[in-house]
Amino acid sequence: MSRYAGGANVERELIHHLLKKGYACMRAAGSGKTSYPSPDIFAGKHGKMLAIEVKSSKKDVVYIEKNEIDELLRWASIAQCIPIVAVKFKNKGWKFFNNFEKVSDKFYAFSFDKGEEVF
């Protein structure tokens, strides 16, 4: 399975998770492959709108490039919604982040221990 296909499958899994919780969702196919910022998933429920960047990892910490988080924050600001990073930690489950910890000039870190179970 290609890296793109694996990422798309994780995004679809999250959409099913959100739908079961009553959210309206849509996946932005090809997000990250355009010069325009766009989240992987856009979801909403009772006026609470979310712009979600989705990642998966076998490790307990995920590092995401600063420019990718900057684009998520810019998109969420324009759309006036909540920016979320959702990480599927293999063999541990989903964690959600809306506080972003910058660890260098180039990366943000997302640790299993610091994520939320729900948002």
PDB file of N, CA and C in Angstrom:
ATOM      1  N   MET A   1       0.853  -1.172   0.000  1.00  0.00           N
ATOM      2  CA  MET A   1       0.000   0.000   0.000  1.00  0.00           C
ATOM      3  C   MET A   1       0.901   1.237   0.000  1.00  0.00           C
ATOM      4  N   SER A   2       0.584   2.183  -0.844  1.00  0.00           N
ATOM      5  CA  SER A   2       1.370   3.418  -0.911  1.00  0.00           C
ATOM      6  C   SER A   2       1.146   4.264   0.327  1.00  0.00           C
ATOM      7  N   ARG A   3       2.067   5.175   0.578  1.00  0.00           N
ATOM      8  CA  ARG A   3       1.943   6.077   1.723  1.00  0.00           C
ATOM      9  C   ARG A   3       0.673   6.921   1.602  1.00  0.00           C
ATOM     10  N   TYR A   4       0.364   7.373   0.375  1.00  0.00           N
ATOM     11  CA  TYR A   4      -0.850   8.162   0.150  1.00  0.00           C
ATOM     12  C   TYR A   4      -2.094   7.334   0.478  1.00  0.00           C
ATOM     13  N   ALA A   5      -2.133   6.082   0.005  1.00  0.00           N
ATOM     14  CA  ALA A   5      -3.303   5.231   0.250  1.00  0.00           C
ATOM     15  C   ALA A   5      -3.475   4.969   1.739  1.00  0.00           C
ATOM     16  N   GLY A   6      -2.369   4.758   2.443  1.00  0.00           N
ATOM     17  CA  GLY A   6      -2.441   4.547   3.889  1.00  0.00           C
ATOM     18  C   GLY A   6      -2.998   5.767   4.592  1.00  0.00           C
ATOM     19  N   GLY A   7      -2.544   6.963   4.201  1.00  0.00           N
ATOM     20  CA  GLY A   7      -3.049   8.203   4.787  1.00  0.00           C
ATOM     21  C   GLY A   7      -4.525   8.398   4.497  1.00  0.00           C
ATOM     22  N   ALA A   8      -4.929   8.106   3.269  1.00  0.00           N
ATOM     23  CA  ALA A   8      -6.344   8.245   2.898  1.00  0.00           C
ATOM     24  C   ALA A   8      -7.209   7.286   3.705  1.00  0.00           C
ATOM     25  N   ASN A   9      -6.715   6.073   3.951  1.00  0.00           N
ATOM     26  CA  ASN A   9      -7.478   5.109   4.743  1.00  0.00           C
ATOM     27  C   ASN A   9      -7.657   5.578   6.179  1.00  0.00           C
ATOM     28  N   VAL A  10      -6.619   6.178   6.758  1.00  0.00           N
ATOM     29  CA  VAL A  10      -6.713   6.697   8.120  1.00  0.00           C
ATOM     30  C   VAL A  10      -7.706   7.859   8.159  1.00  0.00           C
ATOM     31  N   GLU A  11      -7.675   8.714   7.137  1.00  0.00           N
ATOM     32  CA  GLU A  11      -8.639   9.816   7.063  1.00  0.00           C
ATOM     33  C   GLU A  11     -10.066   9.281   6.991  1.00  0.00           C
ATOM     34  N   ARG A  12     -10.284   8.264   6.181  1.00  0.00           N
ATOM     35  CA  ARG A  12     -11.629   7.673   6.074  1.00  0.00           C
ATOM     36  C   ARG A  12     -12.069   7.050   7.402  1.00  0.00           C
ATOM     37  N   GLU A  13     -11.135   6.405   8.094  1.00  0.00           N
ATOM     38  CA  GLU A  13     -11.447   5.830   9.401  1.00  0.00           C
ATOM     39  C   GLU A  13     -11.902   6.922  10.369  1.00  0.00           C
ATOM     40  N   LEU A  14     -11.215   8.055  10.363  1.00  0.00           N
ATOM     41  CA  LEU A  14     -11.599   9.158  11.242  1.00  0.00           C
ATOM     42  C   LEU A  14     -12.977   9.709  10.860  1.00  0.00           C
ATOM     43  N   ILE A  15     -13.263   9.798   9.579  1.00  0.00           N
ATOM     44  CA  ILE A  15     -14.589  10.270   9.152  1.00  0.00           C
ATOM     45  C   ILE A  15     -15.672   9.356   9.718  1.00  0.00           C
ATOM     46  N   HIS A  16     -15.479   8.053   9.651  1.00  0.00           N
ATOM     47  CA  HIS A  16     -16.483   7.129  10.207  1.00  0.00           C
ATOM     48  C   HIS A  16     -16.629   7.332  11.717  1.00  0.00           C
ATOM     49  N   HIS A  17     -15.518   7.558  12.396  1.00  0.00           N
ATOM     50  CA  HIS A  17     -15.531   7.830  13.840  1.00  0.00           C
ATOM     51  C   HIS A  17     -16.353   9.094  14.137  1.00  0.00           C
ATOM     52  N   LEU A  18     -16.107  10.154  13.362  1.00  0.00           N
ATOM     53  CA  LEU A  18     -16.825  11.417  13.556  1.00  0.00           C
ATOM     54  C   LEU A  18     -18.310  11.293  13.220  1.00  0.00           C
ATOM     55  N   LEU A  19     -18.625  10.583  12.152  1.00  0.00           N
ATOM     56  CA  LEU A  19     -20.029  10.383  11.779  1.00  0.00           C
ATOM     57  C   LEU A  19     -20.797   9.678  12.890  1.00  0.00           C
ATOM     58  N   LYS A  20     -20.168   8.692  13.533  1.00  0.00           N
ATOM     59  CA  LYS A  20     -20.814   7.984  14.637  1.00  0.00           C
ATOM     60  C   LYS A  20     -21.065   8.907  15.827  1.00  0.00           C
ATOM     61  N   LYS A  21     -20.274   9.970  15.947  1.00  0.00           N
ATOM     62  CA  LYS A  21     -20.450  10.939  17.026  1.00  0.00           C
ATOM     63  C   LYS A  21     -21.379  12.084  16.616  1.00  0.00           C
ATOM     64  N   GLY A  22     -21.989  11.976  15.419  1.00  0.00           N
ATOM     65  CA  GLY A  22     -22.983  12.953  15.005  1.00  0.00           C
ATOM     66  C   GLY A  22     -22.448  14.142  14.221  1.00  0.00           C
ATOM     67  N   TYR A  23     -21.184  14.104  13.809  1.00  0.00           N
ATOM     68  CA  TYR A  23     -20.615  15.201  13.018  1.00  0.00           C
ATOM     69  C   TYR A  23     -20.964  15.035  11.549  1.00  0.00           C
ATOM     70  N   ALA A  24     -21.133  16.145  10.865  1.00  0.00           N
ATOM     71  CA  ALA A  24     -21.174  16.167   9.406  1.00  0.00           C
ATOM     72  C   ALA A  24     -19.715  16.330   8.973  1.00  0.00           C
ATOM     73  N   CYS A  25     -19.271  15.531   8.012  1.00  0.00           N
ATOM     74  CA  CYS A  25     -17.846  15.524   7.634  1.00  0.00           C
ATOM     75  C   CYS A  25     -17.664  15.491   6.130  1.00  0.00           C
ATOM     76  N   MET A  26     -16.513  16.009   5.730  1.00  0.00           N
ATOM     77  CA  MET A  26     -16.072  15.812   4.350  1.00  0.00           C
ATOM     78  C   MET A  26     -14.555  15.733   4.331  1.00  0.00           C
ATOM     79  N   ARG A  27     -14.053  14.889   3.471  1.00  0.00           N
ATOM     80  CA  ARG A  27     -12.616  14.710   3.307  1.00  0.00           C
ATOM     81  C   ARG A  27     -12.175  15.528   2.111  1.00  0.00           C
ATOM     82  N   ALA A  28     -11.087  16.269   2.274  1.00  0.00           N
ATOM     83  CA  ALA A  28     -10.535  17.060   1.174  1.00  0.00           C
ATOM     84  C   ALA A  28      -9.522  16.195   0.442  1.00  0.00           C
ATOM     85  N   ALA A  29      -9.992  15.457  -0.557  1.00  0.00           N
ATOM     86  CA  ALA A  29      -9.098  14.586  -1.323  1.00  0.00           C
ATOM     87  C   ALA A  29      -7.987  15.415  -1.945  1.00  0.00           C
ATOM     88  N   GLY A  30      -6.770  14.928  -1.829  1.00  0.00           N
ATOM     89  CA  GLY A  30      -5.636  15.627  -2.422  1.00  0.00           C
ATOM     90  C   GLY A  30      -5.111  16.761  -1.574  1.00  0.00           C
ATOM     91  N   SER A  31      -5.600  16.893  -0.330  1.00  0.00           N
ATOM     92  CA  SER A  31      -5.074  17.956   0.529  1.00  0.00           C
ATOM     93  C   SER A  31      -3.584  17.724   0.699  1.00  0.00           C
ATOM     94  N   GLY A  32      -2.833  18.799   0.753  1.00  0.00           N
ATOM     95  CA  GLY A  32      -1.387  18.689   0.849  1.00  0.00           C
ATOM     96  C   GLY A  32      -0.704  18.587  -0.496  1.00  0.00           C
ATOM     97  N   LYS A  33      -1.480  18.404  -1.565  1.00  0.00           N
ATOM     98  CA  LYS A  33      -0.903  18.292  -2.900  1.00  0.00           C
ATOM     99  C   LYS A  33      -1.194  19.525  -3.747  1.00  0.00           C
ATOM    100  N   THR A  34      -1.697  20.548  -3.114  1.00  0.00           N
ATOM    101  CA  THR A  34      -2.015  21.783  -3.814  1.00  0.00           C
ATOM    102  C   THR A  34      -1.233  22.924  -3.176  1.00  0.00           C
ATOM    103  N   SER A  35      -1.091  24.001  -3.886  1.00  0.00           N
ATOM    104  CA  SER A  35      -0.365  25.145  -3.339  1.00  0.00           C
ATOM    105  C   SER A  35      -1.241  25.956  -2.374  1.00  0.00           C
ATOM    106  N   TYR A  36      -2.527  25.621  -2.300  1.00  0.00           N
ATOM    107  CA  TYR A  36      -3.436  26.304  -1.391  1.00  0.00           C
ATOM    108  C   TYR A  36      -3.583  25.500  -0.099  1.00  0.00           C
ATOM    109  N   PRO A  37      -3.595  26.177   1.057  1.00  0.00           N
ATOM    110  CA  PRO A  37      -3.770  25.434   2.305  1.00  0.00           C
ATOM    111  C   PRO A  37      -5.146  24.793   2.368  1.00  0.00           C
ATOM    112  N   SER A  38      -5.195  23.581   2.900  1.00  0.00           N
ATOM    113  CA  SER A  38      -6.470  22.903   3.070  1.00  0.00           C
ATOM    114  C   SER A  38      -6.309  21.778   4.081  1.00  0.00           C
ATOM    115  N   PRO A  39      -7.261  21.657   5.021  1.00  0.00           N
ATOM    116  CA  PRO A  39      -7.182  20.571   5.997  1.00  0.00           C
ATOM    117  C   PRO A  39      -7.535  19.241   5.336  1.00  0.00           C
ATOM    118  N   ASP A  40      -7.207  18.144   5.998  1.00  0.00           N
ATOM    119  CA  ASP A  40      -7.565  16.824   5.473  1.00  0.00           C
ATOM    120  C   ASP A  40      -9.065  16.580   5.589  1.00  0.00           C
ATOM    121  N   ILE A  41      -9.643  17.044   6.701  1.00  0.00           N
ATOM    122  CA  ILE A  41     -11.073  16.832   6.960  1.00  0.00           C
ATOM    123  C   ILE A  41     -11.672  18.128   7.498  1.00  0.00           C
ATOM    124  N   PHE A  42     -12.884  18.410   7.071  1.00  0.00           N
ATOM    125  CA  PHE A  42     -13.660  19.523   7.600  1.00  0.00           C
ATOM    126  C   PHE A  42     -14.903  18.899   8.220  1.00  0.00           C
ATOM    127  N   ALA A  43     -15.162  19.210   9.495  1.00  0.00           N
ATOM    128  CA  ALA A  43     -16.284  18.590  10.200  1.00  0.00           C
ATOM    129  C   ALA A  43     -17.004  19.625  11.046  1.00  0.00           C
ATOM    130  N   GLY A  44     -18.290  19.375  11.268  1.00  0.00           N
ATOM    131  CA  GLY A  44     -19.059  20.290  12.097  1.00  0.00           C
ATOM    132  C   GLY A  44     -20.208  19.600  12.790  1.00  0.00           C
ATOM    133  N   LYS A  45     -20.582  20.189  13.948  1.00  0.00           N
ATOM    134  CA  LYS A  45     -21.706  19.666  14.721  1.00  0.00           C
ATOM    135  C   LYS A  45     -22.223  20.789  15.613  1.00  0.00           C
ATOM    136  N   HIS A  46     -23.492  21.136  15.472  1.00  0.00           N
ATOM    137  CA  HIS A  46     -24.142  22.154  16.310  1.00  0.00           C
ATOM    138  C   HIS A  46     -23.344  23.460  16.351  1.00  0.00           C
ATOM    139  N   GLY A  47     -22.859  23.897  15.208  1.00  0.00           N
ATOM    140  CA  GLY A  47     -22.135  25.164  15.122  1.00  0.00           C
ATOM    141  C   GLY A  47     -20.665  25.081  15.476  1.00  0.00           C
ATOM    142  N   LYS A  48     -20.198  23.940  15.927  1.00  0.00           N
ATOM    143  CA  LYS A  48     -18.777  23.732  16.233  1.00  0.00           C
ATOM    144  C   LYS A  48     -18.113  23.183  14.978  1.00  0.00           C
ATOM    145  N   MET A  49     -17.286  24.004  14.347  1.00  0.00           N
ATOM    146  CA  MET A  49     -16.656  23.623  13.089  1.00  0.00           C
ATOM    147  C   MET A  49     -15.173  23.316  13.326  1.00  0.00           C
ATOM    148  N   LEU A  50     -14.695  22.234  12.708  1.00  0.00           N
ATOM    149  CA  LEU A  50     -13.332  21.767  12.892  1.00  0.00           C
ATOM    150  C   LEU A  50     -12.592  21.638  11.567  1.00  0.00           C
ATOM    151  N   ALA A  51     -11.359  22.104  11.531  1.00  0.00           N
ATOM    152  CA  ALA A  51     -10.446  21.861  10.416  1.00  0.00           C
ATOM    153  C   ALA A  51      -9.417  20.878  10.952  1.00  0.00           C
ATOM    154  N   ILE A  52      -9.330  19.689  10.359  1.00  0.00           N
ATOM    155  CA  ILE A  52      -8.539  18.607  10.948  1.00  0.00           C
ATOM    156  C   ILE A  52      -7.413  18.161  10.016  1.00  0.00           C
ATOM    157  N   GLU A  53      -6.216  18.150  10.549  1.00  0.00           N
ATOM    158  CA  GLU A  53      -5.051  17.568   9.889  1.00  0.00           C
ATOM    159  C   GLU A  53      -4.875  16.181  10.490  1.00  0.00           C
ATOM    160  N   VAL A  54      -4.768  15.146   9.654  1.00  0.00           N
ATOM    161  CA  VAL A  54      -4.739  13.762  10.118  1.00  0.00           C
ATOM    162  C   VAL A  54      -3.367  13.146   9.869  1.00  0.00           C
ATOM    163  N   LYS A  55      -2.873  12.453  10.886  1.00  0.00           N
ATOM    164  CA  LYS A  55      -1.591  11.740  10.789  1.00  0.00           C
ATOM    165  C   LYS A  55      -1.746  10.381  11.444  1.00  0.00           C
ATOM    166  N   SER A  56      -0.816   9.476  11.136  1.00  0.00           N
ATOM    167  CA  SER A  56      -0.739   8.201  11.837  1.00  0.00           C
ATOM    168  C   SER A  56       0.726   7.899  12.100  1.00  0.00           C
ATOM    169  N   SER A  57       0.961   7.103  13.159  1.00  0.00           N
ATOM    170  CA  SER A  57       2.335   6.806  13.519  1.00  0.00           C
ATOM    171  C   SER A  57       2.424   5.524  14.324  1.00  0.00           C
ATOM    172  N   LYS A  58       3.524   4.822  14.166  1.00  0.00           N
ATOM    173  CA  LYS A  58       3.822   3.658  14.996  1.00  0.00           C
ATOM    174  C   LYS A  58       4.547   4.084  16.273  1.00  0.00           C
ATOM    175  N   LYS A  59       5.040   5.318  16.299  1.00  0.00           N
ATOM    176  CA  LYS A  59       5.776   5.833  17.446  1.00  0.00           C
ATOM    177  C   LYS A  59       4.838   6.592  18.378  1.00  0.00           C
ATOM    178  N   ASP A  60       5.328   6.949  19.565  1.00  0.00           N
ATOM    179  CA  ASP A  60       4.519   7.677  20.537  1.00  0.00           C
ATOM    180  C   ASP A  60       4.536   9.185  20.337  1.00  0.00           C
ATOM    181  N   VAL A  61       5.371   9.663  19.409  1.00  0.00           N
ATOM    182  CA  VAL A  61       5.459  11.090  19.105  1.00  0.00           C
ATOM    183  C   VAL A  61       5.480  11.265  17.597  1.00  0.00           C
ATOM    184  N   VAL A  62       4.717  12.244  17.119  1.00  0.00           N
ATOM    185  CA  VAL A  62       4.685  12.588  15.701  1.00  0.00           C
ATOM    186  C   VAL A  62       5.247  13.994  15.549  1.00  0.00           C
ATOM    187  N   TYR A  63       6.128  14.190  14.596  1.00  0.00           N
ATOM    188  CA  TYR A  63       6.672  15.516  14.289  1.00  0.00           C
ATOM    189  C   TYR A  63       6.084  15.972  12.968  1.00  0.00           C
ATOM    190  N   ILE A  64       5.507  17.175  12.971  1.00  0.00           N
ATOM    191  CA  ILE A  64       4.892  17.733  11.765  1.00  0.00           C
ATOM    192  C   ILE A  64       5.597  19.038  11.443  1.00  0.00           C
ATOM    193  N   GLU A  65       5.903  19.201  10.164  1.00  0.00           N
ATOM    194  CA  GLU A  65       6.614  20.404   9.739  1.00  0.00           C
ATOM    195  C   GLU A  65       5.802  21.660  10.050  1.00  0.00           C
ATOM    196  N   LYS A  66       6.524  22.696  10.453  1.00  0.00           N
ATOM    197  CA  LYS A  66       5.928  23.977  10.832  1.00  0.00           C
ATOM    198  C   LYS A  66       5.023  24.529   9.743  1.00  0.00           C
ATOM    199  N   ASN A  67       5.456  24.453   8.482  1.00  0.00           N
ATOM    200  CA  ASN A  67       4.647  25.023   7.405  1.00  0.00           C
ATOM    201  C   ASN A  67       3.291  24.311   7.270  1.00  0.00           C
ATOM    202  N   GLU A  68       3.249  23.025   7.572  1.00  0.00           N
ATOM    203  CA  GLU A  68       1.981  22.292   7.493  1.00  0.00           C
ATOM    204  C   GLU A  68       1.016  22.760   8.590  1.00  0.00           C
ATOM    205  N   ILE A  69       1.530  22.985   9.795  1.00  0.00           N
ATOM    206  CA  ILE A  69       0.700  23.491  10.888  1.00  0.00           C
ATOM    207  C   ILE A  69       0.313  24.943  10.619  1.00  0.00           C
ATOM    208  N   ASP A  70       1.245  25.735  10.107  1.00  0.00           N
ATOM    209  CA  ASP A  70       0.937  27.129   9.760  1.00  0.00           C
ATOM    210  C   ASP A  70      -0.207  27.204   8.753  1.00  0.00           C
ATOM    211  N   GLU A  71      -0.207  26.307   7.761  1.00  0.00           N
ATOM    212  CA  GLU A  71      -1.284  26.290   6.767  1.00  0.00           C
ATOM    213  C   GLU A  71      -2.617  25.899   7.400  1.00  0.00           C
ATOM    214  N   LEU A  72      -2.594  24.924   8.306  1.00  0.00           N
ATOM    215  CA  LEU A  72      -3.818  24.532   9.010  1.00  0.00           C
ATOM    216  C   LEU A  72      -4.361  25.713   9.813  1.00  0.00           C
ATOM    217  N   LEU A  73      -3.475  26.395  10.530  1.00  0.00           N
ATOM    218  CA  LEU A  73      -3.896  27.543  11.339  1.00  0.00           C
ATOM    219  C   LEU A  73      -4.432  28.677  10.477  1.00  0.00           C
ATOM    220  N   ARG A  74      -3.795  28.921   9.338  1.00  0.00           N
ATOM    221  CA  ARG A  74      -4.250  29.970   8.424  1.00  0.00           C
ATOM    222  C   ARG A  74      -5.634  29.624   7.877  1.00  0.00           C
ATOM    223  N   TRP A  75      -5.825  28.396   7.431  1.00  0.00           N
ATOM    224  CA  TRP A  75      -7.115  27.957   6.882  1.00  0.00           C
ATOM    225  C   TRP A  75      -8.203  28.076   7.951  1.00  0.00           C
ATOM    226  N   ALA A  76      -7.907  27.594   9.162  1.00  0.00           N
ATOM    227  CA  ALA A  76      -8.888  27.636  10.246  1.00  0.00           C
ATOM    228  C   ALA A  76      -9.240  29.073  10.618  1.00  0.00           C
ATOM    229  N   SER A  77      -8.269  29.966  10.557  1.00  0.00           N
ATOM    230  CA  SER A  77      -8.527  31.374  10.854  1.00  0.00           C
ATOM    231  C   SER A  77      -9.468  31.985   9.815  1.00  0.00           C
ATOM    232  N   ILE A  78      -9.214  31.710   8.557  1.00  0.00           N
ATOM    233  CA  ILE A  78     -10.068  32.239   7.482  1.00  0.00           C
ATOM    234  C   ILE A  78     -11.490  31.673   7.608  1.00  0.00           C
ATOM    235  N   ALA A  79     -11.600  30.371   7.884  1.00  0.00           N
ATOM    236  CA  ALA A  79     -12.911  29.715   7.980  1.00  0.00           C
ATOM    237  C   ALA A  79     -13.566  29.913   9.348  1.00  0.00           C
ATOM    238  N   GLN A  80     -12.840  30.520  10.273  1.00  0.00           N
ATOM    239  CA  GLN A  80     -13.311  30.740  11.638  1.00  0.00           C
ATOM    240  C   GLN A  80     -13.767  29.436  12.289  1.00  0.00           C
ATOM    241  N   CYS A  81     -12.856  28.451  12.264  1.00  0.00           N
ATOM    242  CA  CYS A  81     -13.152  27.168  12.882  1.00  0.00           C
ATOM    243  C   CYS A  81     -11.974  26.735  13.763  1.00  0.00           C
ATOM    244  N   ILE A  82     -12.133  25.630  14.448  1.00  0.00           N
ATOM    245  CA  ILE A  82     -11.131  25.144  15.389  1.00  0.00           C
ATOM    246  C   ILE A  82     -10.127  24.254  14.655  1.00  0.00           C
ATOM    247  N   PRO A  83      -8.824  24.585  14.727  1.00  0.00           N
ATOM    248  CA  PRO A  83      -7.817  23.713  14.113  1.00  0.00           C
ATOM    249  C   PRO A  83      -7.513  22.527  15.037  1.00  0.00           C
ATOM    250  N   ILE A  84      -7.516  21.338  14.473  1.00  0.00           N
ATOM    251  CA  ILE A  84      -7.280  20.110  15.235  1.00  0.00           C
ATOM    252  C   ILE A  84      -6.245  19.266  14.479  1.00  0.00           C
ATOM    253  N   VAL A  85      -5.326  18.679  15.228  1.00  0.00           N
ATOM    254  CA  VAL A  85      -4.469  17.636  14.667  1.00  0.00           C
ATOM    255  C   VAL A  85      -4.954  16.333  15.284  1.00  0.00           C
ATOM    256  N   ALA A  86      -5.313  15.376  14.436  1.00  0.00           N
ATOM    257  CA  ALA A  86      -5.773  14.063  14.882  1.00  0.00           C
ATOM    258  C   ALA A  86      -4.705  13.048  14.504  1.00  0.00           C
ATOM    259  N   VAL A  87      -4.244  12.277  15.482  1.00  0.00           N
ATOM    260  CA  VAL A  87      -3.199  11.287  15.224  1.00  0.00           C
ATOM    261  C   VAL A  87      -3.704   9.912  15.625  1.00  0.00           C
ATOM    262  N   LYS A  88      -3.592   8.973  14.689  1.00  0.00           N
ATOM    263  CA  LYS A  88      -3.891   7.569  14.985  1.00  0.00           C
ATOM    264  C   LYS A  88      -2.567   6.927  15.361  1.00  0.00           C
ATOM    265  N   PHE A  89      -2.392   6.682  16.663  1.00  0.00           N
ATOM    266  CA  PHE A  89      -1.196   6.005  17.145  1.00  0.00           C
ATOM    267  C   PHE A  89      -1.463   4.507  17.024  1.00  0.00           C
ATOM    268  N   LYS A  90      -0.698   3.837  16.171  1.00  0.00           N
ATOM    269  CA  LYS A  90      -0.917   2.414  15.907  1.00  0.00           C
ATOM    270  C   LYS A  90      -0.891   1.626  17.207  1.00  0.00           C
ATOM    271  N   ASN A  91      -1.840   0.732  17.339  1.00  0.00           N
ATOM    272  CA  ASN A  91      -1.997  -0.144  18.504  1.00  0.00           C
ATOM    273  C   ASN A  91      -2.351   0.609  19.785  1.00  0.00           C
ATOM    274  N   LYS A  92      -2.644   1.918  19.696  1.00  0.00           N
ATOM    275  CA  LYS A  92      -3.025   2.680  20.881  1.00  0.00           C
ATOM    276  C   LYS A  92      -4.321   3.446  20.681  1.00  0.00           C
ATOM    277  N   GLY A  93      -4.603   3.891  19.458  1.00  0.00           N
ATOM    278  CA  GLY A  93      -5.840   4.606  19.190  1.00  0.00           C
ATOM    279  C   GLY A  93      -5.631   6.062  18.816  1.00  0.00           C
ATOM    280  N   TRP A  94      -6.752   6.766  18.710  1.00  0.00           N
ATOM    281  CA  TRP A  94      -6.775   8.159  18.288  1.00  0.00           C
ATOM    282  C   TRP A  94      -6.486   9.095  19.456  1.00  0.00           C
ATOM    283  N   LYS A  95      -5.774  10.173  19.155  1.00  0.00           N
ATOM    284  CA  LYS A  95      -5.602  11.292  20.079  1.00  0.00           C
ATOM    285  C   LYS A  95      -5.796  12.572  19.276  1.00  0.00           C
ATOM    286  N   PHE A  96      -6.353  13.598  19.937  1.00  0.00           N
ATOM    287  CA  PHE A  96      -6.684  14.853  19.280  1.00  0.00           C
ATOM    288  C   PHE A  96      -5.988  16.007  19.997  1.00  0.00           C
ATOM    289  N   PHE A  97      -5.502  16.955  19.213  1.00  0.00           N
ATOM    290  CA  PHE A  97      -4.727  18.068  19.738  1.00  0.00           C
ATOM    291  C   PHE A  97      -5.259  19.384  19.182  1.00  0.00           C
ATOM    292  N   ASN A  98      -5.469  20.364  20.064  1.00  0.00           N
ATOM    293  CA  ASN A  98      -5.744  21.721  19.596  1.00  0.00           C
ATOM    294  C   ASN A  98      -4.796  22.721  20.247  1.00  0.00           C
ATOM    295  N   ASN A  99      -3.826  22.209  20.986  1.00  0.00           N
ATOM    296  CA  ASN A  99      -2.699  23.006  21.479  1.00  0.00           C
ATOM    297  C   ASN A  99      -1.455  22.455  20.803  1.00  0.00           C
ATOM    298  N   PHE A 100      -0.709  23.321  20.176  1.00  0.00           N
ATOM    299  CA  PHE A 100       0.412  22.878  19.368  1.00  0.00           C
ATOM    300  C   PHE A 100       1.731  23.255  20.020  1.00  0.00           C
ATOM    301  N   GLU A 101       2.593  22.269  20.213  1.00  0.00           N
ATOM    302  CA  GLU A 101       3.884  22.463  20.870  1.00  0.00           C
ATOM    303  C   GLU A 101       4.998  22.524  19.828  1.00  0.00           C
ATOM    304  N   LYS A 102       5.537  23.716  19.635  1.00  0.00           N
ATOM    305  CA  LYS A 102       6.626  23.911  18.682  1.00  0.00           C
ATOM    306  C   LYS A 102       7.926  23.476  19.358  1.00  0.00           C
ATOM    307  N   VAL A 103       8.640  22.531  18.749  1.00  0.00           N
ATOM    308  CA  VAL A 103       9.871  22.020  19.357  1.00  0.00           C
ATOM    309  C   VAL A 103      11.141  22.533  18.687  1.00  0.00           C
ATOM    310  N   SER A 104      10.982  23.166  17.541  1.00  0.00           N
ATOM    311  CA  SER A 104      12.119  23.779  16.851  1.00  0.00           C
ATOM    312  C   SER A 104      11.564  24.793  15.868  1.00  0.00           C
ATOM    313  N   ASP A 105      12.459  25.429  15.113  1.00  0.00           N
ATOM    314  CA  ASP A 105      12.017  26.374  14.084  1.00  0.00           C
ATOM    315  C   ASP A 105      11.293  25.672  12.942  1.00  0.00           C
ATOM    316  N   LYS A 106      11.443  24.346  12.846  1.00  0.00           N
ATOM    317  CA  LYS A 106      10.891  23.615  11.703  1.00  0.00           C
ATOM    318  C   LYS A 106       9.791  22.611  12.038  1.00  0.00           C
ATOM    319  N   PHE A 107       9.636  22.255  13.334  1.00  0.00           N
ATOM    320  CA  PHE A 107       8.710  21.173  13.673  1.00  0.00           C
ATOM    321  C   PHE A 107       7.858  21.456  14.909  1.00  0.00           C
ATOM    322  N   TYR A 108       6.665  20.857  14.887  1.00  0.00           N
ATOM    323  CA  TYR A 108       5.799  20.750  16.047  1.00  0.00           C
ATOM    324  C   TYR A 108       5.785  19.278  16.454  1.00  0.00           C
ATOM    325  N   ALA A 109       5.602  19.019  17.743  1.00  0.00           N
ATOM    326  CA  ALA A 109       5.562  17.644  18.241  1.00  0.00           C
ATOM    327  C   ALA A 109       4.184  17.348  18.829  1.00  0.00           C
ATOM    328  N   PHE A 110       3.713  16.134  18.580  1.00  0.00           N
ATOM    329  CA  PHE A 110       2.433  15.671  19.102  1.00  0.00           C
ATOM    330  C   PHE A 110       2.657  14.313  19.756  1.00  0.00           C
ATOM    331  N   SER A 111       2.521  14.283  21.084  1.00  0.00           N
ATOM    332  CA  SER A 111       2.826  13.095  21.873  1.00  0.00           C
ATOM    333  C   SER A 111       1.547  12.403  22.315  1.00  0.00           C
ATOM    334  N   PHE A 112       1.556  11.075  22.253  1.00  0.00           N
ATOM    335  CA  PHE A 112       0.395  10.293  22.676  1.00  0.00           C
ATOM    336  C   PHE A 112      -0.066  10.707  24.073  1.00  0.00           C
ATOM    337  N   ASP A 113       0.879  10.919  24.978  1.00  0.00           N
ATOM    338  CA  ASP A 113       0.565  11.260  26.361  1.00  0.00           C
ATOM    339  C   ASP A 113      -0.113  12.618  26.536  1.00  0.00           C
ATOM    340  N   LYS A 114       0.054  13.511  25.560  1.00  0.00           N
ATOM    341  CA  LYS A 114      -0.492  14.869  25.695  1.00  0.00           C
ATOM    342  C   LYS A 114      -1.785  15.082  24.913  1.00  0.00           C
ATOM    343  N   GLY A 115      -2.205  14.084  24.148  1.00  0.00           N
ATOM    344  CA  GLY A 115      -3.418  14.228  23.344  1.00  0.00           C
ATOM    345  C   GLY A 115      -4.682  13.962  24.145  1.00  0.00           C
ATOM    346  N   GLU A 116      -5.778  14.412  23.594  1.00  0.00           N
ATOM    347  CA  GLU A 116      -7.099  14.210  24.207  1.00  0.00           C
ATOM    348  C   GLU A 116      -7.789  13.027  23.538  1.00  0.00           C
ATOM    349  N   GLU A 117      -8.623  12.330  24.289  1.00  0.00           N
ATOM    350  CA  GLU A 117      -9.367  11.202  23.746  1.00  0.00           C
ATOM    351  C   GLU A 117     -10.505  11.668  22.822  1.00  0.00           C
ATOM    352  N   VAL A 118     -11.114  12.789  23.184  1.00  0.00           N
ATOM    353  CA  VAL A 118     -12.220  13.367  22.402  1.00  0.00           C
ATOM    354  C   VAL A 118     -12.011  14.856  22.296  1.00  0.00           C
ATOM    355  N   PHE A 119     -12.790  15.487  21.430  1.00  0.00           N
ATOM    356  CA  PHE A 119     -12.705  16.954  21.334  1.00  0.00           C
ATOM    357  C   PHE A 119     -14.076  17.554  21.337  1.00  0.00           C
TER     358      PHE A 119
END
